[in-house]
C-alpha atoms as a PDB file:
ATOM      1  CA  MET A   1     161.200  92.787 142.902  1.00  0.00           C
ATOM      2  CA  SER A   2     158.040  91.796 145.266  1.00  0.00           C
ATOM      3  CA  THR A   3     156.269  91.820 141.819  1.00  0.00           C
ATOM      4  CA  LYS A   4     158.566  88.978 140.538  1.00  0.00           C
ATOM      5  CA  GLN A   5     158.998  87.159 143.798  1.00  0.00           C
ATOM      6  CA  GLN A   6     155.075  86.708 144.070  1.00  0.00           C
ATOM      7  CA  GLU A   7     154.931  85.129 140.098  1.00  0.00           C
ATOM      8  CA  THR A   8     157.406  82.891 140.924  1.00  0.00           C
ATOM      9  CA  THR A   9     155.796  81.798 144.301  1.00  0.00           C
ATOM     10  CA  ASN A  10     152.713  80.939 142.160  1.00  0.00           C
ATOM     11  CA  GLU A  11     154.407  79.119 139.503  1.00  0.00           C
ATOM     12  CA  GLU A  12     155.988  76.792 142.060  1.00  0.00           C
ATOM     13  CA  VAL A  13     152.826  76.916 143.805  1.00  0.00           C
ATOM     14  CA  ASP A  14     151.109  75.764 140.425  1.00  0.00           C
ATOM     15  CA  LEU A  15     154.261  73.478 139.670  1.00  0.00           C
ATOM     16  CA  GLY A  16     153.398  71.632 143.493  1.00  0.00           C
ATOM     17  CA  SER A  17     149.730  71.895 142.947  1.00  0.00           C
ATOM     18  CA  LEU A  18     150.255  69.508 138.960  1.00  0.00           C
ATOM     19  CA  PHE A  19     152.718  67.144 140.863  1.00  0.00           C
ATOM     20  CA  VAL A  20     149.797  66.188 143.489  1.00  0.00           C
ATOM     21  CA  ILE A  21     147.454  65.642 141.104  1.00  0.00           C
ATOM     22  CA  ILE A  22     149.531  63.378 139.145  1.00  0.00           C
ATOM     23  CA  GLY A  23     150.633  61.632 142.345  1.00  0.00           C
ATOM     24  CA  ARG A  24     146.932  61.333 143.554  1.00  0.00           C
ATOM     25  CA  GLY A  25     146.138  60.054 139.991  1.00  0.00           C
ATOM     26  CA  PHE A  26     149.031  57.312 139.866  1.00  0.00           C
ATOM     27  CA  ARG A  27     148.027  56.126 143.625  1.00  0.00           C
ATOM     28  CA  ASN A  28     144.984  55.779 142.362  1.00  0.00           C
ATOM     29  CA  PHE A  29     145.662  53.579 138.856  1.00  0.00           C
ATOM     30  CA  PHE A  30     147.485  51.253 140.837  1.00  0.00           C
ATOM     31  CA  LYS A  31     144.904  50.674 143.713  1.00  0.00           C
ATOM     32  CA  PHE A  32     142.422  49.988 140.929  1.00  0.00           C
ATOM     33  CA  ILE A  33     144.747  47.749 139.365  1.00  0.00           C
ATOM     34  CA  GLY A  34     145.450  46.066 142.984  1.00  0.00           C
ATOM     35  CA  SER A  35     141.419  45.676 143.624  1.00  0.00           C
ATOM     36  CA  ILE A  36     141.764  43.543 140.595  1.00  0.00           C
ATOM     37  CA  PHE A  37     144.317  41.265 141.589  1.00  0.00           C
ATOM     38  CA  LYS A  38     142.450  41.220 144.698  1.00  0.00           C
ATOM     39  CA  GLY A  39     139.277  40.261 143.903  1.00  0.00           C
ATOM     40  CA  ILE A  40     140.468  37.774 141.332  1.00  0.00           C
ATOM     41  CA  PHE A  41     142.907  36.004 143.964  1.00  0.00           C
ATOM     42  CA  ASN A  42     139.671  36.349 146.583  1.00  0.00           C
ATOM     43  CA  PHE A  43     137.667  34.713 143.784  1.00  0.00           C
ATOM     44  CA  LEU A  44     140.515  31.691 143.577  1.00  0.00           C
ATOM     45  CA  ILE A  45     140.301  31.854 147.381  1.00  0.00           C
ATOM     46  CA  ALA A  46     136.587  31.418 147.246  1.00  0.00           C
ATOM     47  CA  ILE A  47     136.429  28.442 144.391  1.00  0.00           C
ATOM     48  CA  LEU A  48     139.158  26.579 146.751  1.00  0.00           C
ATOM     49  CA  LEU A  49     137.234  26.995 149.652  1.00  0.00           C
ATOM     50  CA  PHE A  50     133.571  25.523 148.122  1.00  0.00           C
ATOM     51  CA  ILE A  51     135.552  22.696 146.580  1.00  0.00           C
ATOM     52  CA  LYS A  52     137.278  21.961 150.111  1.00  0.00           C
ATOM     53  CA  SER A  53     134.010  22.156 151.949  1.00  0.00           C
ATOM     54  CA  ASN A  54     132.069  19.760 149.385  1.00  0.00           C
ATOM     55  CA  ILE A  55     135.045  17.280 148.377  1.00  0.00           C
ATOM     56  CA  VAL A  56     133.322  14.606 149.158  1.00  0.00           C
ATOM     57  CA  LYS A  57     129.991  15.265 147.308  1.00  0.00           C
ATOM     58  CA  LEU A  58     132.067  16.123 144.732  1.00  0.00           C
ATOM     59  CA  GLY A  59     134.693  13.204 144.241  1.00  0.00           C
ATOM     60  CA  ILE A  60     131.203  11.164 144.719  1.00  0.00           C
ATOM     61  CA  ALA A  61     129.782  12.397 141.533  1.00  0.00           C
ATOM     62  CA  SER A  62     132.450  12.416 139.316  1.00  0.00           C
ATOM     63  CA  LEU A  63     133.575   8.778 140.242  1.00  0.00           C
ATOM     64  CA  LEU A  64     130.179   8.373 139.213  1.00  0.00           C
ATOM     65  CA  GLY A  65     130.350   9.915 136.319  1.00  0.00           C
ATOM     66  CA  ALA A  66     133.306   8.036 135.406  1.00  0.00           C
ATOM     67  CA  ILE A  67     132.056   4.987 136.065  1.00  0.00           C
ATOM     68  CA  PHE A  68     129.241   5.389 133.734  1.00  0.00           C
ATOM     69  CA  GLY A  69     131.974   6.687 131.157  1.00  0.00           C
ATOM     70  CA  PHE A  70     133.664   3.660 131.950  1.00  0.00           C
ATOM     71  CA  ILE A  71     130.606   1.175 130.877  1.00  0.00           C
ATOM     72  CA  ILE A  72     130.047   3.577 127.537  1.00  0.00           C
ATOM     73  CA  GLU A  73     133.590   2.917 126.584  1.00  0.00           C
ATOM     74  CA  LEU A  74     132.886  -0.956 126.781  1.00  0.00           C
ATOM     75  CA  TYR A  75     130.064  -1.451 124.753  1.00  0.00           C
ATOM     76  CA  TYR A  76     130.357   1.764 122.810  1.00  0.00           C
ATOM     77  CA  PRO A  77     132.118   1.159 119.404  1.00  0.00           C
ATOM     78  CA  ASP A  78     135.283   3.095 118.078  1.00  0.00           C
ATOM     79  CA  LYS A  79     135.319   5.811 116.123  1.00  0.00           C
ATOM     80  CA  TYR A  80     137.766   6.490 113.451  1.00  0.00           C
ATOM     81  CA  ALA A  81     137.991   9.689 110.788  1.00  0.00           C
ATOM     82  CA  SER A  82     139.753  10.018 107.628  1.00  0.00           C
ATOM     83  CA  GLU A  83     140.271  13.766 106.218  1.00  0.00           C
ATOM     84  CA  MET A  84     140.545  14.890 102.306  1.00  0.00           C
ATOM     85  CA  LEU A  85     142.030  18.649 101.519  1.00  0.00           C
ATOM     86  CA  VAL A  86     140.528  20.167  98.456  1.00  0.00           C
ATOM     87  CA  GLU A  87     140.751  23.449  96.130  1.00  0.00           C
ATOM     88  CA  PRO A  88     137.052  24.141  95.026  1.00  0.00           C
ATOM     89  CA  ASN A  89     137.313  26.664  91.983  1.00  0.00           C
ATOM     90  CA  PHE A  90     134.700  28.998  90.107  1.00  0.00           C
ATOM     91  CA  LYS A  91     132.598  29.423  93.339  1.00  0.00           C
ATOM     92  CA  SER A  92     131.595  26.024  93.828  1.00  0.00           C
ATOM     93  CA  VAL A  93     133.050  25.882  97.515  1.00  0.00           C
ATOM     94  CA  LYS A  94     129.363  26.581  98.471  1.00  0.00           C
ATOM     95  CA  GLN A  95     127.760  24.370  96.954  1.00  0.00           C
ATOM     96  CA  LEU A  96     130.321  21.801  98.136  1.00  0.00           C
ATOM     97  CA  TYR A  97     129.459  22.825 101.639  1.00  0.00           C
ATOM     98  CA  TYR A  98     125.969  22.702 101.201  1.00  0.00           C
ATOM     99  CA  ASN A  99     126.229  19.104  99.835  1.00  0.00           C
ATOM    100  CA  VAL A 100     128.457  18.265 102.975  1.00  0.00           C
ATOM    101  CA  ASP A 101     125.582  19.379 105.068  1.00  0.00           C
ATOM    102  CA  PHE A 102     123.554  17.337 103.559  1.00  0.00           C
ATOM    103  CA  TYR A 103     125.114  14.303 103.825  1.00  0.00           C
ATOM    104  CA  ASN A 104     125.427  14.727 107.529  1.00  0.00           C
ATOM    105  CA  ASP A 105     121.364  15.893 108.117  1.00  0.00           C
ATOM    106  CA  LEU A 106     121.311  12.497 106.435  1.00  0.00           C
ATOM    107  CA  VAL A 107     123.476  11.002 109.214  1.00  0.00           C
ATOM    108  CA  GLU A 108     121.676  12.922 112.194  1.00  0.00           C
ATOM    109  CA  GLN A 109     118.738  11.580 110.522  1.00  0.00           C
ATOM    110  CA  LYS A 110     120.278   7.712 110.591  1.00  0.00           C
ATOM    111  CA  ASP A 111     118.592   7.918 106.804  1.00  0.00           C
ATOM    112  CA  THR A 112     120.926   5.071 105.738  1.00  0.00           C
ATOM    113  CA  LEU A 113     119.254   3.483 102.832  1.00  0.00           C
ATOM    114  CA  THR A 114     119.560   7.152 101.348  1.00  0.00           C
ATOM    115  CA  LEU A 115     123.451   7.686 102.468  1.00  0.00           C
ATOM    116  CA  ALA A 116     123.529   3.734 100.933  1.00  0.00           C
ATOM    117  CA  LYS A 117     122.143   4.742  97.249  1.00  0.00           C
ATOM    118  CA  THR A 118     124.537   8.054  97.545  1.00  0.00           C
ATOM    119  CA  PHE A 119     127.353   6.793  98.206  1.00  0.00           C
ATOM    120  CA  ASN A 120     126.679   3.381  96.768  1.00  0.00           C
ATOM    121  CA  ILE A 121     127.651   1.415  99.852  1.00  0.00           C
ATOM    122  CA  SER A 122     125.781  -1.266 101.906  1.00  0.00           C
ATOM    123  CA  GLU A 123     123.660  -0.050 104.212  1.00  0.00           C
ATOM    124  CA  ASP A 124     126.099  -1.462 106.760  1.00  0.00           C
ATOM    125  CA  ASP A 125     128.374   0.832 105.942  1.00  0.00           C
ATOM    126  CA  ALA A 126     126.203   3.493 105.316  1.00  0.00           C
ATOM    127  CA  ALA A 127     125.247   2.761 109.252  1.00  0.00           C
ATOM    128  CA  SER A 128     128.552   3.027 110.033  1.00  0.00           C
ATOM    129  CA  LEU A 129     128.902   6.407 109.198  1.00  0.00           C
ATOM    130  CA  LYS A 130     128.625   9.037 112.422  1.00  0.00           C
ATOM    131  CA  LYS A 131     129.245  12.870 110.848  1.00  0.00           C
ATOM    132  CA  PHE A 132     130.312  14.571 107.887  1.00  0.00           C
ATOM    133  CA  SER A 133     131.920  17.986 108.812  1.00  0.00           C
ATOM    134  CA  ILE A 134     133.743  20.679 106.670  1.00  0.00           C
ATOM    135  CA  GLU A 135     135.664  23.486 107.086  1.00  0.00           C
ATOM    136  CA  PRO A 136     138.534  26.165 105.884  1.00  0.00           C
ATOM    137  CA  VAL A 137     141.894  25.853 106.220  1.00  0.00           C
ATOM    138  CA  ILE A 138     143.437  29.018 106.927  1.00  0.00           C
ATOM    139  CA  ASN A 139     145.990  30.604 105.685  1.00  0.00           C
ATOM    140  CA  LYS A 140     146.219  34.615 106.114  1.00  0.00           C
ATOM    141  CA  ASN A 141     148.425  34.637 102.565  1.00  0.00           C
ATOM    142  CA  ASP A 142     144.593  33.719 100.917  1.00  0.00           C
ATOM    143  CA  ILE A 143     143.470  36.952 102.325  1.00  0.00           C
ATOM    144  CA  ILE A 144     146.359  38.684 101.090  1.00  0.00           C
ATOM    145  CA  ASN A 145     146.515  37.462  97.516  1.00  0.00           C
ATOM    146  CA  ALA A 146     142.997  38.073  97.312  1.00  0.00           C
ATOM    147  CA  TYR A 147     143.451  41.745  98.532  1.00  0.00           C
ATOM    148  CA  ASP A 148     146.207  41.789  95.534  1.00  0.00           C
ATOM    149  CA  GLU A 149     143.309  40.785  92.902  1.00  0.00           C
ATOM    150  CA  PHE A 150     140.751  43.010  94.134  1.00  0.00           C
ATOM    151  CA  ILE A 151     143.615  46.192  93.612  1.00  0.00           C
ATOM    152  CA  ASN A 152     144.446  45.021  90.362  1.00  0.00           C
ATOM    153  CA  ARG A 153     141.220  44.788  89.088  1.00  0.00           C
ATOM    154  CA  VAL A 154     139.408  48.086  90.237  1.00  0.00           C
ATOM    155  CA  ASP A 155     141.023  51.368  89.728  1.00  0.00           C
ATOM    156  CA  THR A 156     143.153  53.626  91.554  1.00  0.00           C
ATOM    157  CA  ALA A 157     141.154  55.982  93.517  1.00  0.00           C
ATOM    158  CA  THR A 158     138.673  53.059  94.839  1.00  0.00           C
ATOM    159  CA  VAL A 159     142.229  51.196  96.031  1.00  0.00           C
ATOM    160  CA  ARG A 160     142.622  54.593  98.277  1.00  0.00           C
ATOM    161  CA  ARG A 161     139.553  54.645  99.687  1.00  0.00           C
ATOM    162  CA  TYR A 162     139.353  50.914 100.296  1.00  0.00           C
ATOM    163  CA  SER A 163     143.118  49.603 102.283  1.00  0.00           C
ATOM    164  CA  PHE A 164     143.792  46.180 103.162  1.00  0.00           C
ATOM    165  CA  GLU A 165     141.981  46.570 106.988  1.00  0.00           C
ATOM    166  CA  ASP A 166     138.681  47.239 105.147  1.00  0.00           C
ATOM    167  CA  PHE A 167     138.935  44.709 103.035  1.00  0.00           C
ATOM    168  CA  LYS A 168     140.450  42.187 105.541  1.00  0.00           C
ATOM    169  CA  PRO A 169     136.848  41.557 107.419  1.00  0.00           C
ATOM    170  CA  GLN A 170     134.544  41.101 104.269  1.00  0.00           C
ATOM    171  CA  PHE A 171     136.753  37.656 103.636  1.00  0.00           C
ATOM    172  CA  LYS A 172     134.677  35.093 105.137  1.00  0.00           C
ATOM    173  CA  GLU A 173     135.443  31.253 105.879  1.00  0.00           C
ATOM    174  CA  LEU A 174     133.984  30.231 102.266  1.00  0.00           C
ATOM    175  CA  ASP A 175     136.853  32.909 100.220  1.00  0.00           C
ATOM    176  CA  TYR A 176     139.790  30.683 101.486  1.00  0.00           C
ATOM    177  CA  LYS A 177     141.226  28.668  99.378  1.00  0.00           C
ATOM    178  CA  THR A 178     141.932  25.130 100.856  1.00  0.00           C
ATOM    179  CA  HIS A 179     138.978  23.646 102.599  1.00  0.00           C
ATOM    180  CA  LYS A 180     138.843  20.291 104.937  1.00  0.00           C
ATOM    181  CA  ILE A 181     136.228  17.098 105.026  1.00  0.00           C
ATOM    182  CA  VAL A 182     136.677  15.253 107.772  1.00  0.00           C
ATOM    183  CA  VAL A 183     134.366  12.178 107.715  1.00  0.00           C
ATOM    184  CA  GLU A 184     133.828   9.952 110.969  1.00  0.00           C
ATOM    185  CA  SER A 185     132.499   6.301 110.995  1.00  0.00           C
ATOM    186  CA  ASN A 186     132.579   2.653 113.185  1.00  0.00           C
ATOM    187  CA  LYS A 187     134.785   1.160 110.315  1.00  0.00           C
ATOM    188  CA  ASN A 188     138.117   2.225 109.521  1.00  0.00           C
ATOM    189  CA  ASN A 189     137.960   1.251 105.766  1.00  0.00           C
ATOM    190  CA  VAL A 190     134.868   3.112 104.655  1.00  0.00           C
ATOM    191  CA  PHE A 191     135.944   6.380 103.265  1.00  0.00           C
ATOM    192  CA  LYS A 192     138.117   5.792 100.140  1.00  0.00           C
ATOM    193  CA  SER A 193     134.535   4.837  98.496  1.00  0.00           C
ATOM    194  CA  LEU A 194     132.849   8.553  99.927  1.00  0.00           C
ATOM    195  CA  SER A 195     135.492  10.425  97.668  1.00  0.00           C
ATOM    196  CA  ASN A 196     133.807  10.164  94.257  1.00  0.00           C
ATOM    197  CA  THR A 197     130.486  11.090  95.559  1.00  0.00           C
ATOM    198  CA  ILE A 198     131.347  14.150  97.304  1.00  0.00           C
ATOM    199  CA  ILE A 199     133.521  15.993  94.557  1.00  0.00           C
ATOM    200  CA  SER A 200     131.451  14.760  91.523  1.00  0.00           C
ATOM    201  CA  SER A 201     128.289  16.124  93.040  1.00  0.00           C
ATOM    202  CA  VAL A 202     129.984  19.271  92.256  1.00  0.00           C
ATOM    203  CA  VAL A 203     131.674  18.461  89.503  1.00  0.00           C
ATOM    204  CA  ASN A 204     128.571  17.287  87.530  1.00  0.00           C
ATOM    205  CA  ASN A 205     127.069  20.062  87.557  1.00  0.00           C
ATOM    206  CA  ASP A 206     126.287  21.789  84.229  1.00  0.00           C
ATOM    207  CA  TYR A 207     127.061  25.644  85.260  1.00  0.00           C
ATOM    208  CA  PHE A 208     130.337  24.993  87.024  1.00  0.00           C
ATOM    209  CA  ASN A 209     131.410  22.676  83.833  1.00  0.00           C
ATOM    210  CA  ARG A 210     130.115  25.949  81.725  1.00  0.00           C
ATOM    211  CA  VAL A 211     132.534  28.180  83.678  1.00  0.00           C
ATOM    212  CA  ARG A 212     135.014  25.667  83.612  1.00  0.00           C
ATOM    213  CA  ASN A 213     134.895  25.328  79.763  1.00  0.00           C
ATOM    214  CA  LEU A 214     135.160  28.906  79.289  1.00  0.00           C
ATOM    215  CA  THR A 215     138.093  29.780  81.457  1.00  0.00           C
ATOM    216  CA  ASN A 216     140.229  27.034  80.023  1.00  0.00           C
ATOM    217  CA  GLU A 217     139.278  28.808  76.223  1.00  0.00           C
ATOM    218  CA  TYR A 218     140.089  31.814  77.638  1.00  0.00           C
ATOM    219  CA  LEU A 219     144.056  30.573  78.809  1.00  0.00           C
ATOM    220  CA  ASP A 220     144.559  28.076  75.792  1.00  0.00           C
ATOM    221  CA  ARG A 221     143.842  31.334  73.793  1.00  0.00           C
ATOM    222  CA  THR A 222     145.840  34.063  75.689  1.00  0.00           C
ATOM    223  CA  ASP A 223     148.601  31.440  76.042  1.00  0.00           C
ATOM    224  CA  ALA A 224     148.912  31.045  72.193  1.00  0.00           C
ATOM    225  CA  VAL A 225     148.735  35.091  71.829  1.00  0.00           C
ATOM    226  CA  TYR A 226     152.283  34.999  73.918  1.00  0.00           C
ATOM    227  CA  ARG A 227     153.083  32.149  72.489  1.00  0.00           C
ATOM    228  CA  GLN A 228     153.222  33.571  68.377  1.00  0.00           C
ATOM    229  CA  ASN A 229     154.700  36.997  70.322  1.00  0.00           C
ATOM    230  CA  LEU A 230     157.541  35.238  71.444  1.00  0.00           C
ATOM    231  CA  LYS A 231     158.005  33.589  67.627  1.00  0.00           C
ATOM    232  CA  GLN A 232     157.469  37.194  66.537  1.00  0.00           C
ATOM    233  CA  ILE A 233     160.452  38.595  69.211  1.00  0.00           C
ATOM    234  CA  ASP A 234     162.707  36.017  68.028  1.00  0.00           C
ATOM    235  CA  SER A 235     162.309  36.457  64.411  1.00  0.00           C
ATOM    236  CA  LEU A 236     162.755  40.119  64.870  1.00  0.00           C
ATOM    237  CA  THR A 237     165.877  39.047  67.050  1.00  0.00           C
ATOM    238  CA  LYS A 238     167.301  36.918  64.230  1.00  0.00           C
ATOM    239  CA  VAL A 239     167.051  39.743  61.627  1.00  0.00           C
ATOM    240  CA  TYR A 240     168.790  42.521  64.100  1.00  0.00           C
ATOM    241  CA  MET A 241     171.659  39.844  64.816  1.00  0.00           C
ATOM    242  CA  GLN A 242     172.383  39.509  60.465  1.00  0.00           C
ATOM    243  CA  VAL A 243     172.007  43.041  60.001  1.00  0.00           C
ATOM    244  CA  MET A 244     174.608  43.604  62.710  1.00  0.00           C
ATOM    245  CA  ILE A 245     176.846  40.434  61.215  1.00  0.00           C
ATOM    246  CA  THR A 246     176.759  41.863  57.898  1.00  0.00           C
ATOM    247  CA  GLU A 247     177.865  45.818  59.110  1.00  0.00           C
ATOM    248  CA  ALA A 248     180.310  44.402  61.256  1.00  0.00           C
ATOM    249  CA  LYS A 249     181.795  42.752  57.768  1.00  0.00           C
ATOM    250  CA  LYS A 250     182.296  46.249  56.059  1.00  0.00           C
ATOM    251  CA  GLU A 251     185.177  47.769  55.872  1.00  0.00           C
ATOM    252  CA  THR A 252     185.260  51.136  57.775  1.00  0.00           C
ATOM    253  CA  THR A 253     187.098  54.060  57.671  1.00  0.00           C
ATOM    254  CA  GLY A 254     186.975  57.143  59.980  1.00  0.00           C
ATOM    255  CA  THR A 255     185.416  58.093  62.777  1.00  0.00           C
ATOM    256  CA  ASN A 256     181.717  58.031  62.180  1.00  0.00           C
ATOM    257  CA  ILE A 257     178.622  57.780  64.768  1.00  0.00           C
ATOM    258  CA  ASP A 258     176.122  55.260  63.800  1.00  0.00           C
ATOM    259  CA  LEU A 259     172.855  56.546  65.285  1.00  0.00           C
ATOM    260  CA  GLY A 260     170.722  53.485  63.523  1.00  0.00           C
ATOM    261  CA  SER A 261     173.055  51.190  65.018  1.00  0.00           C
ATOM    262  CA  GLN A 262     172.195  53.015  68.511  1.00  0.00           C
ATOM    263  CA  ASN A 263     168.928  52.678  67.985  1.00  0.00           C
ATOM    264  CA  ARG A 264     168.989  49.064  66.631  1.00  0.00           C
ATOM    265  CA  ARG A 265     170.747  48.109  70.188  1.00  0.00           C
ATOM    266  CA  ALA A 266     167.420  49.843  72.287  1.00  0.00           C
ATOM    267  CA  SER A 267     165.342  48.087  70.065  1.00  0.00           C
ATOM    268  CA  GLU A 268     167.389  44.811  71.436  1.00  0.00           C
ATOM    269  CA  ILE A 269     167.383  46.042  74.796  1.00  0.00           C
ATOM    270  CA  ASP A 270     163.264  46.800  74.450  1.00  0.00           C
ATOM    271  CA  LEU A 271     162.428  43.020  72.935  1.00  0.00           C
ATOM    272  CA  LEU A 272     164.952  41.206  75.144  1.00  0.00           C
ATOM    273  CA  GLU A 273     162.778  43.059  78.308  1.00  0.00           C
ATOM    274  CA  THR A 274     159.002  42.389  76.158  1.00  0.00           C
ATOM    275  CA  SER A 275     160.252  38.609  75.972  1.00  0.00           C
ATOM    276  CA  ILE A 276     160.955  38.416  79.670  1.00  0.00           C
ATOM    277  CA  ILE A 277     157.597  39.750  80.574  1.00  0.00           C
ATOM    278  CA  ILE A 278     156.039  37.427  78.134  1.00  0.00           C
ATOM    279  CA  ASN A 279     157.532  34.619  79.770  1.00  0.00           C
ATOM    280  CA  GLU A 280     156.296  35.491  83.098  1.00  0.00           C
ATOM    281  CA  GLU A 281     153.123  35.586  81.880  1.00  0.00           C
ATOM    282  CA  LEU A 282     153.116  32.624  80.534  1.00  0.00           C
ATOM    283  CA  GLU A 283     154.160  31.185  84.078  1.00  0.00           C
ATOM    284  CA  LYS A 284     151.239  32.639  85.404  1.00  0.00           C
ATOM    285  CA  ILE A 285     148.624  31.232  82.653  1.00  0.00           C
ATOM    286  CA  SER A 286     150.466  27.632  83.406  1.00  0.00           C
ATOM    287  CA  GLU A 287     150.074  27.984  87.027  1.00  0.00           C
ATOM    288  CA  LYS A 288     146.252  29.239  86.185  1.00  0.00           C
ATOM    289  CA  ARG A 289     145.587  26.120  83.721  1.00  0.00           C
ATOM    290  CA  SER A 290     146.735  24.048  86.161  1.00  0.00           C
ATOM    291  CA  GLU A 291     144.682  25.159  88.768  1.00  0.00           C
ATOM    292  CA  LYS A 292     141.598  25.881  86.820  1.00  0.00           C
ATOM    293  CA  HIS A 293     141.954  22.641  84.828  1.00  0.00           C
ATOM    294  CA  ASN A 294     138.907  21.326  87.745  1.00  0.00           C
ATOM    295  CA  VAL A 295     136.133  22.387  89.261  1.00  0.00           C
ATOM    296  CA  ILE A 296     137.389  20.974  92.056  1.00  0.00           C
ATOM    297  CA  ASN A 297     141.340  20.211  92.684  1.00  0.00           C
ATOM    298  CA  VAL A 298     141.917  17.298  95.408  1.00  0.00           C
ATOM    299  CA  ILE A 299     144.775  18.013  96.969  1.00  0.00           C
ATOM    300  CA  SER A 300     144.944  14.350  99.218  1.00  0.00           C
ATOM    301  CA  ASP A 301     142.350  11.954  98.902  1.00  0.00           C
ATOM    302  CA  PHE A 302     140.567   9.804 102.130  1.00  0.00           C
ATOM    303  CA  GLN A 303     143.265   7.561 103.694  1.00  0.00           C
ATOM    304  CA  ALA A 304     142.138   4.213 102.845  1.00  0.00           C
ATOM    305  CA  ILE A 305     142.390   3.542 106.291  1.00  0.00           C
ATOM    306  CA  GLY A 306     141.125   5.830 108.889  1.00  0.00           C
ATOM    307  CA  TYR A 307     142.857   6.846 112.344  1.00  0.00           C
ATOM    308  CA  LYS A 308     141.056   6.476 115.494  1.00  0.00           C
ATOM    309  CA  ILE A 309     139.852   9.190 117.302  1.00  0.00           C
ATOM    310  CA  ASN A 310     141.338   9.445 120.560  1.00  0.00           C
ATOM    311  CA  GLY A 311     142.271  12.499 123.185  1.00  0.00           C
ATOM    312  CA  VAL A 312     140.756  13.378 126.807  1.00  0.00           C
ATOM    313  CA  THR A 313     138.064  15.367 124.812  1.00  0.00           C
ATOM    314  CA  LYS A 314     136.791  12.061 123.286  1.00  0.00           C
ATOM    315  CA  ASN A 315     137.433   9.913 126.145  1.00  0.00           C
ATOM    316  CA  TYR A 316     133.350   9.570 128.137  1.00  0.00           C
ATOM    317  CA  ILE A 317     135.082   8.667 131.156  1.00  0.00           C
ATOM    318  CA  PHE A 318     136.251  12.200 131.322  1.00  0.00           C
ATOM    319  CA  ILE A 319     133.224  13.774 129.516  1.00  0.00           C
ATOM    320  CA  LEU A 320     130.788  12.258 132.172  1.00  0.00           C
ATOM    321  CA  GLY A 321     133.377  12.319 134.803  1.00  0.00           C
ATOM    322  CA  ALA A 322     133.653  16.120 134.147  1.00  0.00           C
ATOM    323  CA  PHE A 323     129.440  16.629 133.878  1.00  0.00           C
ATOM    324  CA  GLY A 324     129.297  14.817 137.290  1.00  0.00           C
ATOM    325  CA  PHE A 325     131.469  17.221 138.419  1.00  0.00           C
ATOM    326  CA  GLY A 326     130.024  19.770 136.853  1.00  0.00           C
ATOM    327  CA  VAL A 327     126.259  19.076 137.908  1.00  0.00           C
ATOM    328  CA  MET A 328     126.575  18.402 141.651  1.00  0.00           C
ATOM    329  CA  ALA A 329     128.797  21.824 141.758  1.00  0.00           C
ATOM    330  CA  SER A 330     125.584  23.802 140.158  1.00  0.00           C
ATOM    331  CA  ILE A 331     123.223  21.700 142.495  1.00  0.00           C
ATOM    332  CA  LEU A 332     125.240  23.039 145.580  1.00  0.00           C
ATOM    333  CA  LEU A 333     125.650  25.950 144.633  1.00  0.00           C
ATOM    334  CA  LEU A 334     121.557  26.512 143.979  1.00  0.00           C
ATOM    335  CA  PHE A 335     121.448  25.719 147.607  1.00  0.00           C
ATOM    336  CA  LYS A 336     123.759  27.749 148.517  1.00  0.00           C
ATOM    337  CA  LEU A 337     121.735  30.842 146.388  1.00  0.00           C
ATOM    338  CA  ASN A 338     118.511  29.617 148.402  1.00  0.00           C
ATOM    339  CA  ILE A 339     119.657  30.162 151.073  1.00  0.00           C
ATOM    340  CA  TYR A 340     121.364  33.360 150.833  1.00  0.00           C
ATOM    341  CA  LEU A 341     117.990  34.388 149.091  1.00  0.00           C
ATOM    342  CA  GLU A 342     116.245  33.039 152.270  1.00  0.00           C
ATOM    343  CA  ASN A 343     118.376  35.192 154.569  1.00  0.00           C
ATOM    344  CA  TYR A 344     117.773  38.172 152.674  1.00  0.00           C
ATOM    345  CA  LYS A 345     114.562  38.225 152.778  1.00  0.00           C
ATOM    346  CA  LYS A 346     114.926  38.477 156.325  1.00  0.00           C
END
């Protein structure tokens, strides 16, 4: 009896120790979380105290920066932008990116003569160009569609080893379907004359044209084969219908099971299902022919008149005001750091 009591007591002691350990763990965890919030709060207070003690110096620096920004805004010409959405085919997207980067390099080098010759515009219009850029239009469906195409091309064993999560990191910016080209200029009416050169610089490539022609020839042949199959199915269906009409006219007596008739009905159902599948394939081919007809599909061209670039982050008053604030804050912090280091040596 005493042994059982002792075992029960030991179990209660062990259970009590376990609860103590768990309680201590929770207490330490919440203490750690509290210390993080306390550290963040102390940091914010330190920033506010720093700004309060140096508000005059910081305010003067910001004001001077804003004044310089205002002067620049008065004499700096307005900037306009226009966008073009394109859908490159046959892996021509990399060449398109190279070309746009080349145009931007000419702008940065202020090579207005080459820009004017490249785009067949006046040197004055070429000098107004300030930036070329290109970026993908992010669409998660593009990743899903690319993965679907991948698993349709490879065997089942590869698909099992290569999941969607493995595939997603391999999908790069150039793999997106649609891309946006943005041009900035001091003039608002130069954009329309740029699109032909940008597109033709890729479209006139012999390699891409050869791939486009071969792809479209293949799609045309496949379309023709499917349409021929549809005609054959229609002919077979008409034959079955004529046979059924002929048999229906015959006078039959007694109860006979016509197995041939049952087989014909099954064949008719098969023909109908095959016809539906072929029509679905023809629809897919139609979509592909529309997509792959050109090396680059222009979804939306540059607007004839560009939009004015506005916004706080584009305003020099705000930019230089914030810059002045940042420079003064950095100088004051460096002085404080120097004083701290001098005292630390002592």
